[in-house]
Amino acid sequence: MTPKANSFLIVTEGKRTEPFYFKGMEKLIKEKIGGAIDVVEAPTIDIHGKGSSTGKLIELTEELVKKAKIMYQHIWVVFDKDDFEDFDEAIKLGENKGYEIAWSNQSFEYWLYLHFYYSDSALHRDKWNEKLDEIFKEYHLGEGYYKKNYEDIYNLVDTYNGVNMAIKNAKRRMAHFNESKDLPSKYDPGTKVHELVVQLKKYLDE
């Protein structure tokens, strides 16, 4: 069985913000490619928000892959460090199975913050939420404050070309991350979410 071209399985630990973010991208990709002549095969994007611990998430991903009707070209697992003890082990386990891991230390909110500003401060995840609160208030985004269940979170944070800004900021922050020496759990703040976003964004930028 050969992988289906342009197919993505995205499994997220978060049940709201992360799936909403990637579903926002998926919607834009479908709108863009849907009306075009079938030269580019519209990507198959299946997004599952699971809400469970990191190691368990890898197991759940494995189950989804086994049950899937197609063989995915890209399998991404999205999770945060939060307070999980098995963060580094789960990343290794996933990578050994051939999955791509979009991890964030401490949280996905750090990735959202990068849509507006650069930071390399190691802050507790509650602080990133507070900072997003201030930004949403300042820029009159959403209801004027940050919350985890904005269905249009992708469009909100992209209002001022935020996604390109976040990719640039994340690349800058991760430029010194050494795969062979640095532990993701110790690289605070850090994120690899941009690697997944870059893969999806190419369908929007074509």
N, C-alpha and C. Protein backbone atom coordinates (compact mmCIF):
# COMPACT_ATOMS: atom_id res chain seq x y z
N MET A 1 0.85 -1.19 0.00
CA MET A 1 0.00 0.00 0.00
C MET A 1 0.89 1.25 0.00
N THR A 2 0.66 2.13 -0.94
CA THR A 2 1.48 3.35 -0.96
C THR A 2 0.72 4.48 -0.28
N PRO A 3 1.47 5.39 0.36
CA PRO A 3 0.79 6.50 1.05
C PRO A 3 -0.01 7.35 0.06
N LYS A 4 -1.16 7.83 0.50
CA LYS A 4 -1.97 8.71 -0.32
C LYS A 4 -1.31 10.08 -0.37
N ALA A 5 -1.10 10.58 -1.56
CA ALA A 5 -0.42 11.88 -1.71
C ALA A 5 -1.19 12.96 -0.95
N ASN A 6 -0.45 13.88 -0.36
CA ASN A 6 -1.04 15.02 0.34
C ASN A 6 -2.02 14.63 1.44
N SER A 7 -1.73 13.55 2.13
CA SER A 7 -2.65 13.15 3.21
C SER A 7 -1.99 13.37 4.57
N PHE A 8 -2.78 13.88 5.49
CA PHE A 8 -2.30 14.21 6.83
C PHE A 8 -3.21 13.60 7.88
N LEU A 9 -2.61 13.01 8.88
CA LEU A 9 -3.34 12.65 10.09
C LEU A 9 -2.75 13.52 11.19
N ILE A 10 -3.59 14.31 11.84
CA ILE A 10 -3.11 15.19 12.91
C ILE A 10 -3.84 14.79 14.19
N VAL A 11 -3.09 14.30 15.17
CA VAL A 11 -3.68 13.89 16.44
C VAL A 11 -3.18 14.86 17.50
N THR A 12 -4.10 15.50 18.21
CA THR A 12 -3.70 16.51 19.19
C THR A 12 -4.09 16.09 20.60
N GLU A 13 -3.26 16.47 21.54
CA GLU A 13 -3.57 16.20 22.95
C GLU A 13 -4.69 17.13 23.41
N GLY A 14 -4.66 18.36 22.93
CA GLY A 14 -5.72 19.31 23.31
C GLY A 14 -7.00 18.97 22.57
N LYS A 15 -8.13 19.16 23.24
CA LYS A 15 -9.40 18.82 22.60
C LYS A 15 -10.06 20.02 21.95
N ARG A 16 -9.54 21.22 22.19
CA ARG A 16 -10.21 22.40 21.64
C ARG A 16 -9.28 23.27 20.80
N THR A 17 -8.39 23.99 21.47
CA THR A 17 -7.59 24.99 20.76
C THR A 17 -6.82 24.40 19.58
N GLU A 18 -6.10 23.32 19.81
CA GLU A 18 -5.27 22.76 18.74
C GLU A 18 -6.11 22.24 17.57
N PRO A 19 -7.14 21.39 17.84
CA PRO A 19 -7.95 20.96 16.70
C PRO A 19 -8.60 22.13 15.97
N PHE A 20 -9.10 23.14 16.72
CA PHE A 20 -9.72 24.29 16.07
C PHE A 20 -8.72 25.02 15.18
N TYR A 21 -7.48 25.14 15.66
CA TYR A 21 -6.44 25.83 14.89
C TYR A 21 -6.22 25.12 13.55
N PHE A 22 -6.02 23.81 13.62
CA PHE A 22 -5.72 23.07 12.38
C PHE A 22 -6.96 22.89 11.51
N LYS A 23 -8.13 22.85 12.12
CA LYS A 23 -9.36 22.78 11.31
C LYS A 23 -9.57 24.10 10.57
N GLY A 24 -9.12 25.19 11.19
CA GLY A 24 -9.18 26.50 10.52
C GLY A 24 -8.32 26.48 9.26
N MET A 25 -7.15 25.87 9.37
CA MET A 25 -6.27 25.76 8.20
C MET A 25 -6.90 24.85 7.15
N GLU A 26 -7.44 23.73 7.62
CA GLU A 26 -8.05 22.76 6.70
C GLU A 26 -9.18 23.41 5.90
N LYS A 27 -10.00 24.21 6.59
CA LYS A 27 -11.14 24.88 5.93
C LYS A 27 -10.65 25.81 4.81
N LEU A 28 -9.61 26.58 5.12
CA LEU A 28 -9.07 27.50 4.12
C LEU A 28 -8.48 26.75 2.93
N ILE A 29 -7.81 25.64 3.23
CA ILE A 29 -7.21 24.83 2.15
C ILE A 29 -8.32 24.27 1.26
N LYS A 30 -9.37 23.76 1.89
CA LYS A 30 -10.49 23.19 1.10
C LYS A 30 -11.16 24.27 0.24
N GLU A 31 -11.34 25.46 0.84
CA GLU A 31 -11.97 26.56 0.09
C GLU A 31 -11.11 26.94 -1.10
N LYS A 32 -9.81 26.95 -0.88
CA LYS A 32 -8.90 27.40 -1.94
C LYS A 32 -8.81 26.37 -3.06
N ILE A 33 -8.61 25.10 -2.67
CA ILE A 33 -8.37 24.07 -3.67
C ILE A 33 -9.69 23.56 -4.25
N GLY A 34 -10.73 23.63 -3.44
CA GLY A 34 -12.03 23.11 -3.86
C GLY A 34 -12.53 23.70 -5.17
N GLY A 35 -12.30 25.01 -5.33
CA GLY A 35 -12.83 25.67 -6.52
C GLY A 35 -11.90 25.62 -7.71
N ALA A 36 -10.76 24.98 -7.53
CA ALA A 36 -9.77 24.98 -8.61
C ALA A 36 -9.93 23.74 -9.48
N ILE A 37 -9.25 23.73 -10.62
CA ILE A 37 -9.25 22.54 -11.47
C ILE A 37 -8.42 21.49 -10.75
N ASP A 38 -8.81 20.23 -10.92
CA ASP A 38 -8.14 19.17 -10.16
C ASP A 38 -6.71 18.88 -10.61
N VAL A 39 -5.85 19.85 -10.49
CA VAL A 39 -4.46 19.57 -10.83
C VAL A 39 -3.77 19.16 -9.53
N VAL A 40 -4.06 19.92 -8.50
CA VAL A 40 -3.50 19.58 -7.20
C VAL A 40 -4.54 18.74 -6.49
N GLU A 41 -4.10 17.64 -5.98
CA GLU A 41 -5.04 16.82 -5.22
C GLU A 41 -5.26 17.48 -3.88
N ALA A 42 -6.50 17.74 -3.53
CA ALA A 42 -6.78 18.38 -2.24
C ALA A 42 -6.25 17.48 -1.13
N PRO A 43 -5.52 18.06 -0.19
CA PRO A 43 -4.98 17.22 0.88
C PRO A 43 -6.10 16.58 1.70
N THR A 44 -5.88 15.36 2.08
CA THR A 44 -6.79 14.70 3.01
C THR A 44 -6.27 15.02 4.40
N ILE A 45 -7.05 15.73 5.19
CA ILE A 45 -6.58 16.09 6.53
C ILE A 45 -7.59 15.56 7.54
N ASP A 46 -7.15 14.66 8.38
CA ASP A 46 -8.02 14.12 9.42
C ASP A 46 -7.48 14.57 10.77
N ILE A 47 -8.30 15.27 11.52
CA ILE A 47 -7.85 15.85 12.79
C ILE A 47 -8.63 15.23 13.95
N HIS A 48 -7.90 14.75 14.92
CA HIS A 48 -8.55 14.14 16.09
C HIS A 48 -8.01 14.79 17.36
N GLY A 49 -8.88 15.42 18.14
CA GLY A 49 -8.46 15.96 19.44
C GLY A 49 -8.76 14.93 20.52
N LYS A 50 -7.74 14.51 21.23
CA LYS A 50 -7.92 13.36 22.11
C LYS A 50 -7.96 13.63 23.60
N GLY A 51 -7.27 14.67 24.07
CA GLY A 51 -7.29 14.96 25.51
C GLY A 51 -6.80 13.82 26.37
N SER A 52 -5.52 13.46 26.22
CA SER A 52 -4.97 12.42 27.10
C SER A 52 -3.47 12.61 27.24
N SER A 53 -2.85 11.80 28.11
CA SER A 53 -1.43 11.99 28.37
C SER A 53 -0.59 11.66 27.14
N THR A 54 0.64 12.12 27.15
CA THR A 54 1.48 12.04 25.96
C THR A 54 1.73 10.62 25.47
N GLY A 55 2.16 9.73 26.37
CA GLY A 55 2.43 8.35 25.96
C GLY A 55 1.19 7.68 25.40
N LYS A 56 0.06 7.94 26.05
CA LYS A 56 -1.22 7.37 25.61
C LYS A 56 -1.57 7.90 24.22
N LEU A 57 -1.19 9.14 23.98
CA LEU A 57 -1.49 9.77 22.70
C LEU A 57 -0.81 9.03 21.54
N ILE A 58 0.40 8.57 21.78
CA ILE A 58 1.13 7.81 20.74
C ILE A 58 0.38 6.51 20.47
N GLU A 59 -0.09 5.86 21.53
CA GLU A 59 -0.87 4.62 21.36
C GLU A 59 -2.14 4.88 20.57
N LEU A 60 -2.84 5.97 20.90
CA LEU A 60 -4.08 6.32 20.20
C LEU A 60 -3.79 6.59 18.72
N THR A 61 -2.68 7.25 18.46
CA THR A 61 -2.29 7.54 17.07
C THR A 61 -2.09 6.23 16.31
N GLU A 62 -1.42 5.29 16.98
CA GLU A 62 -1.17 3.99 16.37
C GLU A 62 -2.48 3.29 16.00
N GLU A 63 -3.44 3.38 16.91
CA GLU A 63 -4.76 2.77 16.66
C GLU A 63 -5.44 3.42 15.45
N LEU A 64 -5.37 4.75 15.40
CA LEU A 64 -5.99 5.47 14.28
C LEU A 64 -5.34 5.09 12.96
N VAL A 65 -4.02 4.95 12.99
CA VAL A 65 -3.28 4.59 11.77
C VAL A 65 -3.69 3.19 11.30
N LYS A 66 -3.81 2.27 12.27
CA LYS A 66 -4.19 0.89 11.93
C LYS A 66 -5.59 0.81 11.34
N LYS A 67 -6.51 1.61 11.91
CA LYS A 67 -7.91 1.55 11.47
C LYS A 67 -8.17 2.35 10.19
N ALA A 68 -7.25 3.21 9.84
CA ALA A 68 -7.49 4.14 8.73
C ALA A 68 -7.71 3.42 7.41
N LYS A 69 -8.56 4.03 6.59
CA LYS A 69 -8.86 3.45 5.27
C LYS A 69 -7.72 3.74 4.28
N ILE A 70 -6.91 4.74 4.63
CA ILE A 70 -5.80 5.09 3.73
C ILE A 70 -4.49 5.05 4.51
N MET A 71 -3.41 5.05 3.76
CA MET A 71 -2.10 5.15 4.40
C MET A 71 -1.70 6.62 4.30
N TYR A 72 -1.49 7.24 5.45
CA TYR A 72 -1.20 8.68 5.45
C TYR A 72 0.25 8.96 5.06
N GLN A 73 0.41 10.03 4.30
CA GLN A 73 1.76 10.45 3.94
C GLN A 73 2.43 11.14 5.14
N HIS A 74 1.65 11.92 5.87
CA HIS A 74 2.18 12.64 7.03
C HIS A 74 1.35 12.32 8.27
N ILE A 75 2.02 11.85 9.30
CA ILE A 75 1.33 11.60 10.57
C ILE A 75 1.96 12.51 11.62
N TRP A 76 1.14 13.41 12.13
CA TRP A 76 1.62 14.39 13.10
C TRP A 76 0.92 14.19 14.44
N VAL A 77 1.70 14.26 15.50
CA VAL A 77 1.14 14.22 16.85
C VAL A 77 1.49 15.56 17.51
N VAL A 78 0.48 16.22 18.04
CA VAL A 78 0.66 17.57 18.60
C VAL A 78 0.42 17.51 20.09
N PHE A 79 1.45 17.81 20.89
CA PHE A 79 1.22 17.85 22.34
C PHE A 79 2.17 18.80 23.05
N ASP A 80 1.76 19.13 24.28
CA ASP A 80 2.49 20.08 25.12
C ASP A 80 3.21 19.36 26.23
N LYS A 81 4.18 20.05 26.79
CA LYS A 81 4.86 19.47 27.94
C LYS A 81 3.93 19.50 29.16
N ASP A 82 3.27 20.63 29.37
CA ASP A 82 2.42 20.76 30.56
C ASP A 82 3.16 20.15 31.75
N ASP A 83 2.52 19.22 32.45
CA ASP A 83 3.20 18.60 33.59
C ASP A 83 3.52 17.13 33.33
N PHE A 84 3.56 16.75 32.07
CA PHE A 84 3.80 15.34 31.77
C PHE A 84 5.25 14.95 32.03
N GLU A 85 5.40 13.85 32.76
CA GLU A 85 6.74 13.35 33.07
C GLU A 85 7.36 12.66 31.87
N ASP A 86 6.49 12.09 31.01
CA ASP A 86 7.02 11.24 29.93
C ASP A 86 7.18 11.99 28.60
N PHE A 87 7.31 13.31 28.69
CA PHE A 87 7.37 14.17 27.50
C PHE A 87 8.46 13.73 26.51
N ASP A 88 9.71 13.67 26.99
CA ASP A 88 10.83 13.30 26.10
C ASP A 88 10.67 11.88 25.57
N GLU A 89 10.23 10.98 26.44
CA GLU A 89 10.07 9.57 26.04
C GLU A 89 8.99 9.45 24.97
N ALA A 90 7.91 10.19 25.15
CA ALA A 90 6.80 10.12 24.18
C ALA A 90 7.25 10.65 22.81
N ILE A 91 8.06 11.71 22.83
CA ILE A 91 8.57 12.26 21.56
C ILE A 91 9.42 11.21 20.85
N LYS A 92 10.34 10.59 21.61
CA LYS A 92 11.21 9.54 21.04
C LYS A 92 10.38 8.37 20.51
N LEU A 93 9.42 7.94 21.32
CA LEU A 93 8.57 6.81 20.94
C LEU A 93 7.85 7.10 19.62
N GLY A 94 7.27 8.30 19.54
CA GLY A 94 6.55 8.70 18.32
C GLY A 94 7.48 8.76 17.12
N GLU A 95 8.64 9.37 17.31
CA GLU A 95 9.60 9.48 16.20
C GLU A 95 10.06 8.11 15.73
N ASN A 96 10.25 7.19 16.68
CA ASN A 96 10.68 5.83 16.32
C ASN A 96 9.62 5.10 15.50
N LYS A 97 8.37 5.52 15.66
CA LYS A 97 7.29 4.91 14.87
C LYS A 97 7.11 5.62 13.53
N GLY A 98 7.92 6.63 13.31
CA GLY A 98 7.83 7.35 12.03
C GLY A 98 6.86 8.52 12.05
N TYR A 99 6.40 8.91 13.24
CA TYR A 99 5.49 10.05 13.32
C TYR A 99 6.31 11.33 13.43
N GLU A 100 5.70 12.42 13.01
CA GLU A 100 6.33 13.73 13.20
C GLU A 100 5.66 14.36 14.42
N ILE A 101 6.48 14.96 15.28
CA ILE A 101 5.96 15.46 16.56
C ILE A 101 6.03 16.99 16.60
N ALA A 102 4.86 17.60 16.74
CA ALA A 102 4.81 19.06 16.88
C ALA A 102 4.62 19.35 18.37
N TRP A 103 5.74 19.32 19.11
CA TRP A 103 5.65 19.53 20.56
C TRP A 103 5.80 21.01 20.91
N SER A 104 5.27 21.37 22.07
CA SER A 104 5.48 22.72 22.61
C SER A 104 5.86 22.60 24.08
N ASN A 105 6.80 23.40 24.48
CA ASN A 105 7.21 23.50 25.87
C ASN A 105 7.11 24.99 26.24
N GLN A 106 6.19 25.45 27.10
CA GLN A 106 5.34 24.57 27.88
C GLN A 106 4.03 24.23 27.18
N SER A 107 3.50 25.16 26.41
CA SER A 107 2.16 24.90 25.91
C SER A 107 1.94 25.47 24.52
N PHE A 108 0.85 25.05 23.89
CA PHE A 108 0.47 25.52 22.56
C PHE A 108 0.29 27.04 22.56
N GLU A 109 -0.03 27.57 23.76
CA GLU A 109 -0.22 29.03 23.85
C GLU A 109 1.07 29.79 23.55
N TYR A 110 2.21 29.16 23.82
CA TYR A 110 3.48 29.81 23.45
C TYR A 110 3.53 29.99 21.93
N TRP A 111 3.12 28.95 21.21
CA TRP A 111 3.08 29.03 19.75
C TRP A 111 2.13 30.15 19.30
N LEU A 112 0.97 30.27 19.97
CA LEU A 112 0.02 31.33 19.61
C LEU A 112 0.61 32.71 19.89
N TYR A 113 1.34 32.82 21.00
CA TYR A 113 1.97 34.11 21.35
C TYR A 113 2.93 34.56 20.25
N LEU A 114 3.64 33.59 19.66
CA LEU A 114 4.63 33.92 18.62
C LEU A 114 3.99 34.53 17.36
N HIS A 115 2.67 34.45 17.25
CA HIS A 115 1.98 35.09 16.12
C HIS A 115 2.02 36.61 16.25
N PHE A 116 2.37 37.09 17.44
CA PHE A 116 2.37 38.53 17.69
C PHE A 116 3.74 39.07 18.06
N TYR A 117 4.46 38.32 18.90
CA TYR A 117 5.75 38.79 19.39
C TYR A 117 6.73 37.63 19.52
N TYR A 118 8.02 37.98 19.52
CA TYR A 118 9.05 36.97 19.79
C TYR A 118 9.30 36.92 21.29
N SER A 119 9.56 35.75 21.81
CA SER A 119 10.00 35.65 23.21
C SER A 119 10.79 34.37 23.40
N ASP A 120 11.83 34.48 24.22
CA ASP A 120 12.54 33.25 24.61
C ASP A 120 12.55 33.15 26.13
N SER A 121 11.55 33.76 26.76
CA SER A 121 11.43 33.69 28.22
C SER A 121 10.75 32.40 28.63
N ALA A 122 11.35 31.73 29.62
CA ALA A 122 10.73 30.50 30.14
C ALA A 122 9.63 30.90 31.12
N LEU A 123 8.41 30.85 30.65
CA LEU A 123 7.28 31.24 31.50
C LEU A 123 6.36 30.05 31.72
N HIS A 124 5.68 30.05 32.85
CA HIS A 124 4.68 29.02 33.11
C HIS A 124 3.53 29.19 32.12
N ARG A 125 2.87 28.09 31.77
CA ARG A 125 1.83 28.18 30.73
C ARG A 125 0.72 29.15 31.09
N ASP A 126 0.43 29.31 32.38
CA ASP A 126 -0.60 30.28 32.79
C ASP A 126 -0.22 31.69 32.35
N LYS A 127 1.09 31.96 32.38
CA LYS A 127 1.58 33.30 32.00
C LYS A 127 1.36 33.54 30.50
N TRP A 128 1.56 32.48 29.68
CA TRP A 128 1.33 32.65 28.23
C TRP A 128 -0.15 32.96 28.00
N ASN A 129 -1.02 32.32 28.76
CA ASN A 129 -2.46 32.60 28.65
C ASN A 129 -2.75 34.06 29.00
N GLU A 130 -2.09 34.54 30.07
CA GLU A 130 -2.30 35.93 30.49
C GLU A 130 -1.83 36.89 29.40
N LYS A 131 -0.67 36.57 28.81
CA LYS A 131 -0.13 37.43 27.75
C LYS A 131 -1.06 37.46 26.54
N LEU A 132 -1.63 36.30 26.21
CA LEU A 132 -2.58 36.25 25.09
C LEU A 132 -3.83 37.06 25.42
N ASP A 133 -4.24 37.00 26.68
CA ASP A 133 -5.37 37.81 27.14
C ASP A 133 -5.14 39.28 26.83
N GLU A 134 -3.94 39.76 27.18
CA GLU A 134 -3.59 41.17 26.95
C GLU A 134 -3.62 41.49 25.45
N ILE A 135 -3.06 40.58 24.66
CA ILE A 135 -3.00 40.79 23.20
C ILE A 135 -4.41 40.84 22.60
N PHE A 136 -5.27 39.89 23.02
CA PHE A 136 -6.63 39.84 22.47
C PHE A 136 -7.41 41.11 22.84
N LYS A 137 -7.10 41.63 24.03
CA LYS A 137 -7.74 42.87 24.47
C LYS A 137 -7.22 44.05 23.65
N GLU A 138 -5.89 44.11 23.52
CA GLU A 138 -5.25 45.22 22.81
C GLU A 138 -5.66 45.27 21.33
N TYR A 139 -5.73 44.12 20.70
CA TYR A 139 -6.04 44.07 19.27
C TYR A 139 -7.53 43.84 18.98
N HIS A 140 -8.36 43.84 20.03
CA HIS A 140 -9.81 43.62 19.88
C HIS A 140 -10.09 42.33 19.12
N LEU A 141 -9.45 41.25 19.53
CA LEU A 141 -9.65 39.96 18.87
C LEU A 141 -10.68 39.13 19.64
N GLY A 142 -11.47 38.38 18.91
CA GLY A 142 -12.47 37.52 19.55
C GLY A 142 -13.39 38.34 20.43
N GLU A 143 -13.53 37.90 21.66
CA GLU A 143 -14.38 38.62 22.60
C GLU A 143 -13.57 39.57 23.48
N GLY A 144 -12.36 39.88 23.04
CA GLY A 144 -11.52 40.80 23.79
C GLY A 144 -10.70 40.15 24.87
N TYR A 145 -10.72 38.81 24.89
CA TYR A 145 -9.86 38.08 25.83
C TYR A 145 -9.58 36.71 25.22
N TYR A 146 -8.55 36.03 25.74
CA TYR A 146 -8.19 34.72 25.21
C TYR A 146 -8.96 33.62 25.92
N LYS A 147 -9.47 32.67 25.16
CA LYS A 147 -10.08 31.48 25.75
C LYS A 147 -9.77 30.30 24.84
N LYS A 148 -9.95 29.11 25.37
CA LYS A 148 -9.51 27.91 24.64
C LYS A 148 -10.49 27.42 23.59
N ASN A 149 -11.68 27.98 23.53
CA ASN A 149 -12.61 27.38 22.58
C ASN A 149 -13.08 28.33 21.48
N TYR A 150 -12.18 29.18 20.98
CA TYR A 150 -12.51 29.96 19.79
C TYR A 150 -12.41 29.03 18.58
N GLU A 151 -13.51 28.79 17.92
CA GLU A 151 -13.45 27.90 16.76
C GLU A 151 -12.65 28.52 15.62
N ASP A 152 -12.63 29.85 15.57
CA ASP A 152 -11.89 30.53 14.49
C ASP A 152 -10.52 31.03 14.96
N ILE A 153 -9.91 30.28 15.88
CA ILE A 153 -8.63 30.72 16.47
C ILE A 153 -7.55 30.95 15.40
N TYR A 154 -7.54 30.13 14.36
CA TYR A 154 -6.52 30.30 13.31
C TYR A 154 -6.66 31.68 12.65
N ASN A 155 -7.88 32.04 12.27
CA ASN A 155 -8.09 33.34 11.62
C ASN A 155 -7.82 34.50 12.59
N LEU A 156 -8.18 34.30 13.86
CA LEU A 156 -7.96 35.37 14.84
C LEU A 156 -6.47 35.70 14.97
N VAL A 157 -5.66 34.66 15.14
CA VAL A 157 -4.23 34.95 15.35
C VAL A 157 -3.52 35.32 14.04
N ASP A 158 -4.19 35.06 12.92
CA ASP A 158 -3.60 35.43 11.62
C ASP A 158 -4.05 36.80 11.14
N THR A 159 -4.85 37.50 11.96
CA THR A 159 -5.42 38.79 11.55
C THR A 159 -4.36 39.74 11.00
N TYR A 160 -3.21 39.80 11.66
CA TYR A 160 -2.16 40.73 11.22
C TYR A 160 -0.97 39.95 10.65
N ASN A 161 -1.27 39.01 9.73
CA ASN A 161 -0.22 38.18 9.13
C ASN A 161 0.53 37.39 10.20
N GLY A 162 -0.21 37.01 11.24
CA GLY A 162 0.40 36.37 12.40
C GLY A 162 1.05 35.03 12.13
N VAL A 163 0.48 34.25 11.21
CA VAL A 163 1.01 32.90 11.00
C VAL A 163 2.43 32.98 10.43
N ASN A 164 2.64 33.86 9.45
CA ASN A 164 4.00 34.03 8.92
C ASN A 164 4.96 34.53 10.00
N MET A 165 4.46 35.42 10.84
CA MET A 165 5.26 35.94 11.94
C MET A 165 5.64 34.82 12.92
N ALA A 166 4.66 33.96 13.23
CA ALA A 166 4.90 32.85 14.16
C ALA A 166 5.94 31.88 13.62
N ILE A 167 5.85 31.59 12.33
CA ILE A 167 6.83 30.68 11.70
C ILE A 167 8.23 31.28 11.83
N LYS A 168 8.33 32.56 11.52
CA LYS A 168 9.63 33.25 11.60
C LYS A 168 10.16 33.24 13.04
N ASN A 169 9.28 33.56 13.99
CA ASN A 169 9.69 33.61 15.40
C ASN A 169 10.08 32.22 15.92
N ALA A 170 9.32 31.20 15.52
CA ALA A 170 9.61 29.84 15.99
C ALA A 170 10.94 29.35 15.41
N LYS A 171 11.19 29.65 14.15
CA LYS A 171 12.47 29.25 13.53
C LYS A 171 13.63 29.92 14.26
N ARG A 172 13.43 31.18 14.62
CA ARG A 172 14.47 31.91 15.34
C ARG A 172 14.73 31.27 16.70
N ARG A 173 13.66 30.94 17.41
CA ARG A 173 13.81 30.34 18.74
C ARG A 173 14.43 28.95 18.66
N MET A 174 14.07 28.18 17.63
CA MET A 174 14.53 26.79 17.55
C MET A 174 15.86 26.64 16.80
N ALA A 175 16.41 27.74 16.33
CA ALA A 175 17.67 27.68 15.57
C ALA A 175 18.80 27.04 16.39
N HIS A 176 18.75 27.19 17.71
CA HIS A 176 19.83 26.66 18.56
C HIS A 176 19.50 25.30 19.16
N PHE A 177 18.32 24.77 18.81
CA PHE A 177 17.93 23.48 19.36
C PHE A 177 18.71 22.38 18.66
N ASN A 178 19.44 21.60 19.47
CA ASN A 178 20.24 20.52 18.91
C ASN A 178 19.57 19.18 19.20
N GLU A 179 19.05 18.55 18.13
CA GLU A 179 18.29 17.29 18.28
C GLU A 179 19.05 16.23 19.09
N SER A 180 20.37 16.17 18.87
CA SER A 180 21.13 15.09 19.51
C SER A 180 21.51 15.40 20.95
N LYS A 181 21.51 16.69 21.31
CA LYS A 181 21.94 17.04 22.68
C LYS A 181 20.83 17.59 23.56
N ASP A 182 19.93 18.38 22.97
CA ASP A 182 18.93 19.08 23.79
C ASP A 182 17.69 18.22 24.03
N LEU A 183 17.24 18.22 25.27
CA LEU A 183 15.99 17.54 25.60
C LEU A 183 14.85 18.55 25.44
N PRO A 184 13.80 18.17 24.70
CA PRO A 184 12.67 19.09 24.54
C PRO A 184 12.12 19.57 25.89
N SER A 185 12.13 18.69 26.91
CA SER A 185 11.58 19.06 28.22
C SER A 185 12.39 20.17 28.88
N LYS A 186 13.65 20.30 28.49
CA LYS A 186 14.51 21.34 29.08
C LYS A 186 14.58 22.59 28.20
N TYR A 187 14.10 22.49 26.97
CA TYR A 187 14.16 23.62 26.04
C TYR A 187 12.89 24.45 26.21
N ASP A 188 12.97 25.39 27.16
CA ASP A 188 11.79 26.15 27.56
C ASP A 188 12.06 27.65 27.40
N PRO A 189 11.27 28.35 26.57
CA PRO A 189 10.16 27.85 25.76
C PRO A 189 10.67 27.25 24.45
N GLY A 190 9.87 26.39 23.88
CA GLY A 190 10.23 25.83 22.58
C GLY A 190 8.99 25.29 21.90
N THR A 191 9.05 25.17 20.59
CA THR A 191 7.91 24.60 19.86
C THR A 191 8.36 24.09 18.50
N LYS A 192 7.70 23.04 18.06
CA LYS A 192 7.95 22.52 16.70
C LYS A 192 6.67 22.60 15.87
N VAL A 193 5.67 23.31 16.38
CA VAL A 193 4.39 23.38 15.68
C VAL A 193 4.57 24.01 14.29
N HIS A 194 5.54 24.92 14.19
CA HIS A 194 5.73 25.59 12.89
C HIS A 194 6.06 24.61 11.77
N GLU A 195 6.69 23.48 12.11
CA GLU A 195 7.07 22.52 11.06
C GLU A 195 5.82 21.92 10.40
N LEU A 196 4.80 21.66 11.21
CA LEU A 196 3.54 21.17 10.67
C LEU A 196 2.81 22.28 9.90
N VAL A 197 2.80 23.48 10.47
CA VAL A 197 2.10 24.60 9.84
C VAL A 197 2.72 24.91 8.48
N VAL A 198 4.04 24.85 8.39
CA VAL A 198 4.72 25.11 7.12
C VAL A 198 4.27 24.08 6.06
N GLN A 199 4.17 22.82 6.47
CA GLN A 199 3.72 21.77 5.52
C GLN A 199 2.31 22.05 5.00
N LEU A 200 1.41 22.47 5.90
CA LEU A 200 0.04 22.73 5.49
C LEU A 200 -0.08 24.04 4.72
N LYS A 201 0.73 25.02 5.12
CA LYS A 201 0.59 26.36 4.56
C LYS A 201 0.97 26.40 3.08
N LYS A 202 1.79 25.45 2.67
CA LYS A 202 2.19 25.49 1.25
C LYS A 202 0.97 25.34 0.32
N TYR A 203 -0.08 24.68 0.83
CA TYR A 203 -1.30 24.55 0.01
C TYR A 203 -2.04 25.89 -0.09
N LEU A 204 -1.85 26.74 0.90
CA LEU A 204 -2.50 28.06 0.89
C LEU A 204 -1.69 29.07 0.10
N ASP A 205 -0.38 28.84 0.03
CA ASP A 205 0.49 29.83 -0.62
C ASP A 205 0.74 29.55 -2.08
N GLU A 206 0.25 28.41 -2.57
CA GLU A 206 0.53 28.06 -3.99
C GLU A 206 -0.09 29.06 -4.94
